[in-house]
C-alpha atoms as a PDB file:
ATOM      1  CA  MET A   1     -64.541 -18.396 -93.220  1.00  0.00           C
ATOM      2  CA  LYS A   2     -64.485 -16.042 -90.202  1.00  0.00           C
ATOM      3  CA  THR A   3     -62.745 -16.642 -86.868  1.00  0.00           C
ATOM      4  CA  LEU A   4     -63.631 -14.888 -83.617  1.00  0.00           C
ATOM      5  CA  ILE A   5     -61.465 -15.187 -80.519  1.00  0.00           C
ATOM      6  CA  LEU A   6     -63.073 -13.950 -77.312  1.00  0.00           C
ATOM      7  CA  VAL A   7     -60.865 -13.216 -74.298  1.00  0.00           C
ATOM      8  CA  ARG A   8     -62.423 -12.220 -71.002  1.00  0.00           C
ATOM      9  CA  HIS A   9     -60.324  -9.796 -68.977  1.00  0.00           C
ATOM     10  CA  GLY A  10     -58.150 -11.132 -66.165  1.00  0.00           C
ATOM     11  CA  LYS A  11     -59.112 -11.160 -62.496  1.00  0.00           C
ATOM     12  CA  SER A  12     -59.463  -7.583 -61.303  1.00  0.00           C
ATOM     13  CA  SER A  13     -58.679  -5.960 -57.989  1.00  0.00           C
ATOM     14  CA  TRP A  14     -61.420  -4.568 -55.794  1.00  0.00           C
ATOM     15  CA  GLU A  15     -59.041  -2.972 -53.286  1.00  0.00           C
ATOM     16  CA  TYR A  16     -59.163   0.476 -54.876  1.00  0.00           C
ATOM     17  CA  SER A  17     -62.031   2.921 -54.700  1.00  0.00           C
ATOM     18  CA  VAL A  18     -62.262   3.616 -58.433  1.00  0.00           C
ATOM     19  CA  ASP A  19     -64.942   3.601 -61.123  1.00  0.00           C
ATOM     20  CA  ASP A  20     -65.693   0.244 -62.739  1.00  0.00           C
ATOM     21  CA  LYS A  21     -63.822   1.159 -65.936  1.00  0.00           C
ATOM     22  CA  ASP A  22     -60.713   1.999 -63.916  1.00  0.00           C
ATOM     23  CA  ARG A  23     -60.385  -1.231 -61.910  1.00  0.00           C
ATOM     24  CA  PRO A  24     -56.931  -2.764 -62.463  1.00  0.00           C
ATOM     25  CA  LEU A  25     -55.910  -6.397 -62.726  1.00  0.00           C
ATOM     26  CA  ASN A  26     -54.731  -8.109 -59.572  1.00  0.00           C
ATOM     27  CA  GLU A  27     -51.626 -10.315 -59.480  1.00  0.00           C
ATOM     28  CA  ARG A  28     -53.543 -13.482 -60.413  1.00  0.00           C
ATOM     29  CA  GLY A  29     -55.124 -11.653 -63.366  1.00  0.00           C
ATOM     30  CA  ILE A  30     -51.697 -10.658 -64.659  1.00  0.00           C
ATOM     31  CA  ASN A  31     -50.272 -14.163 -64.183  1.00  0.00           C
ATOM     32  CA  ASP A  32     -53.283 -15.850 -65.808  1.00  0.00           C
ATOM     33  CA  GLY A  33     -53.065 -13.476 -68.774  1.00  0.00           C
ATOM     34  CA  HIS A  34     -49.455 -14.530 -69.326  1.00  0.00           C
ATOM     35  CA  LEU A  35     -50.344 -18.209 -68.919  1.00  0.00           C
ATOM     36  CA  VAL A  36     -53.269 -18.228 -71.375  1.00  0.00           C
ATOM     37  CA  SER A  37     -51.506 -16.000 -73.918  1.00  0.00           C
ATOM     38  CA  SER A  38     -48.487 -18.307 -73.852  1.00  0.00           C
ATOM     39  CA  VAL A  39     -50.595 -21.388 -74.575  1.00  0.00           C
ATOM     40  CA  PHE A  40     -52.561 -19.564 -77.274  1.00  0.00           C
ATOM     41  CA  ASP A  41     -49.339 -18.287 -78.887  1.00  0.00           C
ATOM     42  CA  SER A  42     -48.138 -21.888 -79.268  1.00  0.00           C
ATOM     43  CA  ARG A  43     -51.138 -22.554 -81.573  1.00  0.00           C
ATOM     44  CA  ASP A  44     -49.647 -20.137 -84.141  1.00  0.00           C
ATOM     45  CA  ILE A  45     -52.925 -18.544 -85.273  1.00  0.00           C
ATOM     46  CA  GLU A  46     -52.616 -15.493 -87.515  1.00  0.00           C
ATOM     47  CA  ILE A  47     -54.752 -12.603 -86.262  1.00  0.00           C
ATOM     48  CA  ASP A  48     -55.852  -9.743 -88.511  1.00  0.00           C
ATOM     49  CA  ALA A  49     -57.167  -7.313 -85.884  1.00  0.00           C
ATOM     50  CA  VAL A  50     -57.469  -6.948 -82.115  1.00  0.00           C
ATOM     51  CA  PHE A  51     -60.101  -4.871 -80.300  1.00  0.00           C
ATOM     52  CA  SER A  52     -60.530  -4.222 -76.586  1.00  0.00           C
ATOM     53  CA  SER A  53     -63.056  -2.749 -74.239  1.00  0.00           C
ATOM     54  CA  PRO A  54     -61.707   0.548 -72.872  1.00  0.00           C
ATOM     55  CA  ALA A  55     -61.939  -0.767 -69.284  1.00  0.00           C
ATOM     56  CA  ASN A  56     -58.504  -0.856 -67.642  1.00  0.00           C
ATOM     57  CA  ARG A  57     -58.720  -4.579 -66.768  1.00  0.00           C
ATOM     58  CA  ALA A  58     -59.623  -5.563 -70.347  1.00  0.00           C
ATOM     59  CA  LEU A  59     -56.999  -3.280 -71.871  1.00  0.00           C
ATOM     60  CA  HIS A  60     -54.258  -4.591 -69.555  1.00  0.00           C
ATOM     61  CA  THR A  61     -55.181  -8.193 -70.424  1.00  0.00           C
ATOM     62  CA  CYS A  62     -55.121  -7.237 -74.094  1.00  0.00           C
ATOM     63  CA  LEU A  63     -51.661  -5.662 -73.792  1.00  0.00           C
ATOM     64  CA  ILE A  64     -50.300  -8.861 -72.208  1.00  0.00           C
ATOM     65  CA  PHE A  65     -51.571 -10.813 -75.238  1.00  0.00           C
ATOM     66  CA  LEU A  66     -50.322  -8.246 -77.774  1.00  0.00           C
ATOM     67  CA  ARG A  67     -46.809  -8.474 -76.358  1.00  0.00           C
ATOM     68  CA  ARG A  68     -46.821 -12.274 -76.188  1.00  0.00           C
ATOM     69  CA  LEU A  69     -48.178 -12.607 -79.755  1.00  0.00           C
ATOM     70  CA  ASN A  70     -45.864  -9.894 -81.119  1.00  0.00           C
ATOM     71  CA  PHE A  71     -48.967  -8.269 -82.561  1.00  0.00           C
ATOM     72  CA  PRO A  72     -48.379  -4.776 -84.016  1.00  0.00           C
ATOM     73  CA  PHE A  73     -49.902  -2.110 -81.798  1.00  0.00           C
ATOM     74  CA  GLY A  74     -50.925  -0.186 -84.924  1.00  0.00           C
ATOM     75  CA  LYS A  75     -53.466  -2.908 -85.734  1.00  0.00           C
ATOM     76  CA  PHE A  76     -55.074  -2.722 -82.292  1.00  0.00           C
ATOM     77  CA  GLU A  77     -58.092  -0.539 -81.422  1.00  0.00           C
ATOM     78  CA  LEU A  78     -60.220   0.316 -78.412  1.00  0.00           C
ATOM     79  CA  ALA A  79     -63.943  -0.208 -78.969  1.00  0.00           C
ATOM     80  CA  ASP A  80     -66.526   1.292 -76.612  1.00  0.00           C
ATOM     81  CA  MET A  81     -69.109  -1.273 -77.769  1.00  0.00           C
ATOM     82  CA  LEU A  82     -67.038  -4.007 -76.086  1.00  0.00           C
ATOM     83  CA  TYR A  83     -67.674  -2.434 -72.670  1.00  0.00           C
ATOM     84  CA  ASP A  84     -70.847  -4.499 -72.638  1.00  0.00           C
ATOM     85  CA  PHE A  85     -72.160  -7.024 -70.147  1.00  0.00           C
ATOM     86  CA  SER A  86     -75.276  -8.330 -71.933  1.00  0.00           C
ATOM     87  CA  GLY A  87     -73.714  -9.431 -75.217  1.00  0.00           C
ATOM     88  CA  ASP A  88     -75.938  -7.255 -77.411  1.00  0.00           C
ATOM     89  CA  GLY A  89     -73.243  -4.640 -77.981  1.00  0.00           C
ATOM     90  CA  VAL A  90     -70.576  -7.285 -78.614  1.00  0.00           C
ATOM     91  CA  LEU A  91     -72.764  -9.077 -81.161  1.00  0.00           C
ATOM     92  CA  GLU A  92     -73.529  -5.808 -82.941  1.00  0.00           C
ATOM     93  CA  PHE A  93     -69.809  -4.980 -82.941  1.00  0.00           C
ATOM     94  CA  VAL A  94     -68.940  -8.373 -84.463  1.00  0.00           C
ATOM     95  CA  ARG A  95     -71.629  -8.143 -87.117  1.00  0.00           C
ATOM     96  CA  ASN A  96     -70.273  -4.728 -88.174  1.00  0.00           C
ATOM     97  CA  LEU A  97     -66.656  -5.846 -88.594  1.00  0.00           C
ATOM     98  CA  ASP A  98     -64.989  -5.218 -91.942  1.00  0.00           C
ATOM     99  CA  ASP A  99     -65.292  -8.310 -94.140  1.00  0.00           C
ATOM    100  CA  ASP A 100     -61.625  -7.971 -95.109  1.00  0.00           C
ATOM    101  CA  LEU A 101     -60.826  -9.187 -91.580  1.00  0.00           C
ATOM    102  CA  LYS A 102     -60.708 -12.967 -91.369  1.00  0.00           C
ATOM    103  CA  THR A 103     -59.530 -13.563 -87.782  1.00  0.00           C
ATOM    104  CA  VAL A 104     -60.425 -11.105 -85.023  1.00  0.00           C
ATOM    105  CA  MET A 105     -59.571 -11.181 -81.311  1.00  0.00           C
ATOM    106  CA  VAL A 106     -61.701  -9.184 -78.860  1.00  0.00           C
ATOM    107  CA  PHE A 107     -61.194  -8.468 -75.160  1.00  0.00           C
ATOM    108  CA  GLY A 108     -64.131  -7.752 -72.902  1.00  0.00           C
ATOM    109  CA  HIS A 109     -66.447  -8.842 -70.138  1.00  0.00           C
ATOM    110  CA  ASN A 110     -68.911 -11.330 -68.775  1.00  0.00           C
ATOM    111  CA  HIS A 111     -71.807 -12.091 -68.995  1.00  0.00           C
ATOM    112  CA  ALA A 112     -71.466 -10.878 -72.558  1.00  0.00           C
ATOM    113  CA  PHE A 113     -68.694 -13.297 -73.537  1.00  0.00           C
ATOM    114  CA  THR A 114     -70.355 -16.371 -72.038  1.00  0.00           C
ATOM    115  CA  HIS A 115     -73.574 -15.387 -73.829  1.00  0.00           C
ATOM    116  CA  ILE A 116     -71.764 -14.898 -77.161  1.00  0.00           C
ATOM    117  CA  ALA A 117     -69.757 -18.137 -76.778  1.00  0.00           C
ATOM    118  CA  ASN A 118     -72.975 -20.089 -76.186  1.00  0.00           C
ATOM    119  CA  SER A 119     -75.074 -18.258 -78.784  1.00  0.00           C
ATOM    120  CA  LEU A 120     -72.517 -18.525 -81.575  1.00  0.00           C
ATOM    121  CA  GLY A 121     -70.585 -21.664 -80.610  1.00  0.00           C
ATOM    122  CA  ASN A 122     -71.639 -25.285 -80.662  1.00  0.00           C
ATOM    123  CA  SER A 123     -70.353 -26.249 -77.185  1.00  0.00           C
ATOM    124  CA  TYR A 124     -72.080 -25.139 -74.006  1.00  0.00           C
ATOM    125  CA  ILE A 125     -69.829 -23.187 -71.637  1.00  0.00           C
ATOM    126  CA  ASP A 126     -71.239 -22.604 -68.175  1.00  0.00           C
ATOM    127  CA  ASN A 127     -69.036 -19.576 -67.573  1.00  0.00           C
ATOM    128  CA  VAL A 128     -66.087 -18.049 -69.399  1.00  0.00           C
ATOM    129  CA  PRO A 129     -63.757 -17.408 -66.451  1.00  0.00           C
ATOM    130  CA  THR A 130     -61.446 -14.437 -66.053  1.00  0.00           C
ATOM    131  CA  SER A 131     -58.586 -14.702 -68.578  1.00  0.00           C
ATOM    132  CA  GLY A 132     -60.624 -17.369 -70.396  1.00  0.00           C
ATOM    133  CA  LEU A 133     -60.309 -17.622 -74.167  1.00  0.00           C
ATOM    134  CA  VAL A 134     -62.940 -19.056 -76.532  1.00  0.00           C
ATOM    135  CA  HIS A 135     -62.088 -19.614 -80.205  1.00  0.00           C
ATOM    136  CA  LEU A 136     -65.033 -19.750 -82.639  1.00  0.00           C
ATOM    137  CA  GLU A 137     -65.125 -20.372 -86.400  1.00  0.00           C
ATOM    138  CA  PHE A 138     -67.912 -19.616 -88.869  1.00  0.00           C
ATOM    139  CA  GLN A 139     -68.481 -20.764 -92.446  1.00  0.00           C
ATOM    140  CA  SER A 140     -69.790 -17.289 -93.336  1.00  0.00           C
ATOM    141  CA  ARG A 141     -67.837 -14.984 -95.639  1.00  0.00           C
ATOM    142  CA  HIS A 142     -69.487 -11.931 -94.069  1.00  0.00           C
ATOM    143  CA  TRP A 143     -69.435 -10.862 -90.428  1.00  0.00           C
ATOM    144  CA  ALA A 144     -72.976  -9.493 -90.774  1.00  0.00           C
ATOM    145  CA  SER A 145     -74.306 -12.994 -91.416  1.00  0.00           C
ATOM    146  CA  VAL A 146     -72.370 -14.806 -88.677  1.00  0.00           C
ATOM    147  CA  GLU A 147     -74.685 -17.279 -86.956  1.00  0.00           C
ATOM    148  CA  LYS A 148     -74.039 -20.586 -85.221  1.00  0.00           C
ATOM    149  CA  GLY A 149     -70.438 -21.681 -85.692  1.00  0.00           C
ATOM    150  CA  THR A 150     -68.002 -24.179 -84.238  1.00  0.00           C
ATOM    151  CA  THR A 151     -66.255 -23.872 -80.880  1.00  0.00           C
ATOM    152  CA  ILE A 152     -62.684 -24.764 -81.834  1.00  0.00           C
ATOM    153  CA  GLN A 153     -61.096 -24.424 -78.409  1.00  0.00           C
ATOM    154  CA  ALA A 154     -61.500 -22.974 -74.956  1.00  0.00           C
ATOM    155  CA  ILE A 155     -58.399 -22.155 -72.940  1.00  0.00           C
ATOM    156  CA  PHE A 156     -59.134 -21.542 -69.259  1.00  0.00           C
ATOM    157  CA  PRO A 157     -56.463 -20.755 -66.635  1.00  0.00           C
ATOM    158  CA  LYS A 158     -57.671 -23.324 -64.098  1.00  0.00           C
ATOM    159  CA  HIS A 159     -57.139 -26.137 -66.643  1.00  0.00           C
ATOM    160  CA  LEU A 160     -53.567 -24.958 -67.177  1.00  0.00           C
ATOM    161  CA  ARG A 161     -52.739 -24.780 -63.456  1.00  0.00           C
ATOM    162  CA  GLU A 162     -53.945 -28.324 -62.632  1.00  0.00           C
END
């Protein structure tokens, strides 16, 4: 069985005149990252590898999770293919993962993550919000053959703040 955990980056700030990859998180993005990572950490899921888009907002969100989960930084990698908005690059990335990895967490962007959550999961999600997490499981033993799986959980900040 394979497990894929998608985390969309936190809310970013538009107040700086920087390239898209360099946009930082705003205060809400930081707070929501802590909130969602705290709830996810309570589920006690063992993660084999973590990958992030190189965009500042995705990387910062990832670092919040790594600290909260006490995940070793040596098992974390940046992946240019995750700086993708269509979902094609993300899907190719997932299908090329090492089969020794059972549970993988990736940090990236929309519309890619909403597309992947709906293409590979069995629950329709209108939009994966910033700092949103979607947990998918597949019966496949090989990442290359991952198809439709089961949406195990979705953790969205607005549901935690209500």
